[in-house]
Amino acid sequence: METGNSARFAKVVFTVAGIWGVLIMTPLYFTFDAIGRAFPPPITHPDLYYGFIDVTLAWQVAFLVIAANPIRYRTMMLVGVLEKFLYVTTVITLAVHGQLPSGQAAIIAVPDGTLGLLFAVAFFRTAVSIDSPLAPEKMRAGR
């Protein structure tokens, strides 16, 4: 597969993921009390609630950085895969143990799991061959 098409695929995947995440997470800053009412009991640790939003938003920025130059930040794609799959595993585990309703778990696990798979595909599709002009000089010199 041509490197340009592969990089384009990764660029689209990570751009969509970053924008989607910002759109989904930002409103949570303004719904602290509403979430406590909708899903009792009320949240008792606002530092953990807002900290989760902060870290998640930081990852959305990381996805947008990866999208800006998928070849350069290819290794970070693996960290993105890890981030998605760890969260999906946590959500599924909570659901299995009855600590999260299965419908709510599915709403979280399906999109994040799908993004994790797309991140993995993007990683493998952006592999740079030694002959590519995008390959680091030390790769081409060491053949």
Protein backbone atom coordinates (compact mmCIF):
# COMPACT_ATOMS: atom_id res chain seq x y z
CA MET A 1 0.00 0.00 0.00
CA GLU A 2 1.23 3.46 -0.83
CA THR A 3 2.47 5.44 2.16
CA GLY A 4 0.46 8.54 1.14
CA ASN A 5 -2.86 6.66 1.21
CA SER A 6 -1.94 5.01 4.49
CA ALA A 7 -1.02 8.33 6.06
CA ARG A 8 -4.28 9.78 4.75
CA PHE A 9 -6.24 6.95 6.39
CA ALA A 10 -4.48 7.55 9.73
CA LYS A 11 -4.99 11.30 9.40
CA VAL A 12 -8.75 10.86 8.93
CA VAL A 13 -9.09 8.30 11.74
CA PHE A 14 -7.19 10.37 14.30
CA THR A 15 -8.81 13.66 13.24
CA VAL A 16 -12.31 12.19 13.57
CA ALA A 17 -11.40 10.62 16.93
CA GLY A 18 -9.98 13.89 18.27
CA ILE A 19 -12.89 16.04 17.16
CA TRP A 20 -15.44 13.45 18.32
CA GLY A 21 -13.78 13.27 21.74
CA VAL A 22 -13.70 17.04 22.18
CA LEU A 23 -17.38 17.28 21.23
CA ILE A 24 -18.36 14.49 23.62
CA MET A 25 -16.18 15.46 26.59
CA THR A 26 -16.39 19.26 26.72
CA PRO A 27 -20.08 19.40 27.75
CA LEU A 28 -19.29 17.22 30.76
CA TYR A 29 -17.67 20.24 32.41
CA PHE A 30 -21.17 21.71 32.70
CA THR A 31 -23.15 18.61 33.72
CA PHE A 32 -21.65 17.66 37.08
CA ASP A 33 -24.92 18.00 39.04
CA ALA A 34 -27.11 16.63 36.24
CA ILE A 35 -25.05 13.43 36.06
CA GLY A 36 -25.40 12.96 39.80
CA ARG A 37 -29.18 13.25 39.48
CA ALA A 38 -29.46 11.04 36.39
CA PHE A 39 -27.16 8.33 37.70
CA PRO A 40 -27.43 8.33 41.51
CA PRO A 41 -25.74 8.56 43.88
CA PRO A 42 -24.42 12.09 43.37
CA ILE A 43 -20.75 12.39 42.51
CA THR A 44 -18.74 12.72 45.73
CA HIS A 45 -15.28 13.28 44.26
CA PRO A 46 -15.34 16.24 41.88
CA ASP A 47 -11.55 16.06 41.56
CA LEU A 48 -11.82 12.59 40.00
CA TYR A 49 -14.74 13.63 37.80
CA TYR A 50 -13.07 16.75 36.43
CA GLY A 51 -9.68 15.02 36.34
CA PHE A 52 -11.14 12.31 34.11
CA ILE A 53 -12.48 14.96 31.74
CA ASP A 54 -9.15 16.82 31.74
CA VAL A 55 -7.06 13.75 30.95
CA THR A 56 -9.52 12.59 28.31
CA LEU A 57 -9.47 16.00 26.62
CA ALA A 58 -5.68 15.96 26.67
CA TRP A 59 -5.82 12.67 24.78
CA GLN A 60 -8.10 14.22 22.17
CA VAL A 61 -5.40 16.83 21.57
CA ALA A 62 -2.85 14.00 21.29
CA PHE A 63 -5.04 12.35 18.63
CA LEU A 64 -5.12 15.62 16.69
CA VAL A 65 -1.32 15.89 16.96
CA ILE A 66 -0.97 12.35 15.60
CA ALA A 67 -3.36 13.27 12.76
CA ALA A 68 -1.17 16.22 11.84
CA ASN A 69 1.78 13.93 11.02
CA PRO A 70 0.87 10.21 11.22
CA ILE A 71 4.24 8.97 10.00
CA ARG A 72 6.20 11.04 12.50
CA TYR A 73 3.92 10.14 15.43
CA ARG A 74 3.25 6.55 14.39
CA THR A 75 4.57 5.09 17.66
CA MET A 76 2.08 7.21 19.62
CA MET A 77 -0.71 5.40 17.77
CA LEU A 78 0.09 2.35 19.90
CA VAL A 79 -0.44 4.41 23.04
CA GLY A 80 -3.79 5.50 21.61
CA VAL A 81 -4.70 1.84 21.03
CA LEU A 82 -3.72 1.08 24.63
CA GLU A 83 -5.79 4.01 25.94
CA LYS A 84 -8.90 2.82 24.08
CA PHE A 85 -8.55 -0.86 24.94
CA LEU A 86 -7.77 -0.26 28.62
CA TYR A 87 -10.90 1.87 28.95
CA VAL A 88 -13.07 -0.63 27.05
CA THR A 89 -11.72 -3.46 29.23
CA THR A 90 -12.50 -1.45 32.37
CA VAL A 91 -16.06 -0.69 31.23
CA ILE A 92 -16.74 -4.33 30.29
CA THR A 93 -15.31 -5.53 33.61
CA LEU A 94 -17.56 -3.11 35.52
CA ALA A 95 -20.57 -4.34 33.56
CA VAL A 96 -19.73 -8.01 34.16
CA HIS A 97 -19.49 -7.33 37.89
CA GLY A 98 -22.83 -5.50 37.91
CA GLN A 99 -21.27 -2.12 38.66
CA LEU A 100 -22.36 -0.57 35.36
CA PRO A 101 -25.58 -1.26 33.43
CA SER A 102 -24.83 -3.30 30.30
CA GLY A 103 -26.59 -0.77 28.03
CA GLN A 104 -24.46 2.04 29.37
CA ALA A 105 -21.35 -0.13 28.98
CA ALA A 106 -22.24 -0.84 25.34
CA ILE A 107 -22.71 2.87 24.60
CA ILE A 108 -19.15 3.43 25.83
CA ALA A 109 -17.44 0.23 24.68
CA VAL A 110 -18.65 0.11 21.07
CA PRO A 111 -17.39 3.52 19.88
CA ASP A 112 -14.16 3.38 21.91
CA GLY A 113 -13.51 -0.22 20.87
CA THR A 114 -14.11 0.69 17.24
CA LEU A 115 -11.69 3.62 17.50
CA GLY A 116 -9.11 1.36 19.16
CA LEU A 117 -9.36 -1.08 16.25
CA LEU A 118 -9.11 1.76 13.72
CA PHE A 119 -6.06 3.10 15.57
CA ALA A 120 -4.43 -0.35 15.29
CA VAL A 121 -5.25 -0.53 11.58
CA ALA A 122 -3.82 2.96 11.09
CA PHE A 123 -0.63 1.92 12.90
CA PHE A 124 -0.08 -1.11 10.67
CA ARG A 125 -1.04 0.73 7.48
CA THR A 126 1.46 3.52 8.12
CA ALA A 127 4.45 1.22 8.38
CA VAL A 128 7.29 2.92 6.54
CA SER A 129 9.44 0.78 4.28
CA ILE A 130 13.21 1.23 4.32
CA ASP A 131 13.07 2.41 0.70
CA SER A 132 10.54 5.15 1.43
CA PRO A 133 11.74 8.75 1.31
CA LEU A 134 9.81 9.14 4.59
CA ALA A 135 11.98 6.58 6.34
CA PRO A 136 14.55 8.02 8.74
CA GLU A 137 18.01 8.39 7.22
CA LYS A 138 19.49 5.91 9.70
CA MET A 139 17.03 3.23 8.47
CA ARG A 140 18.03 3.72 4.84
CA ALA A 141 21.75 3.86 5.71
CA GLY A 142 21.62 0.65 7.75
CA ARG A 143 20.29 -1.61 5.00
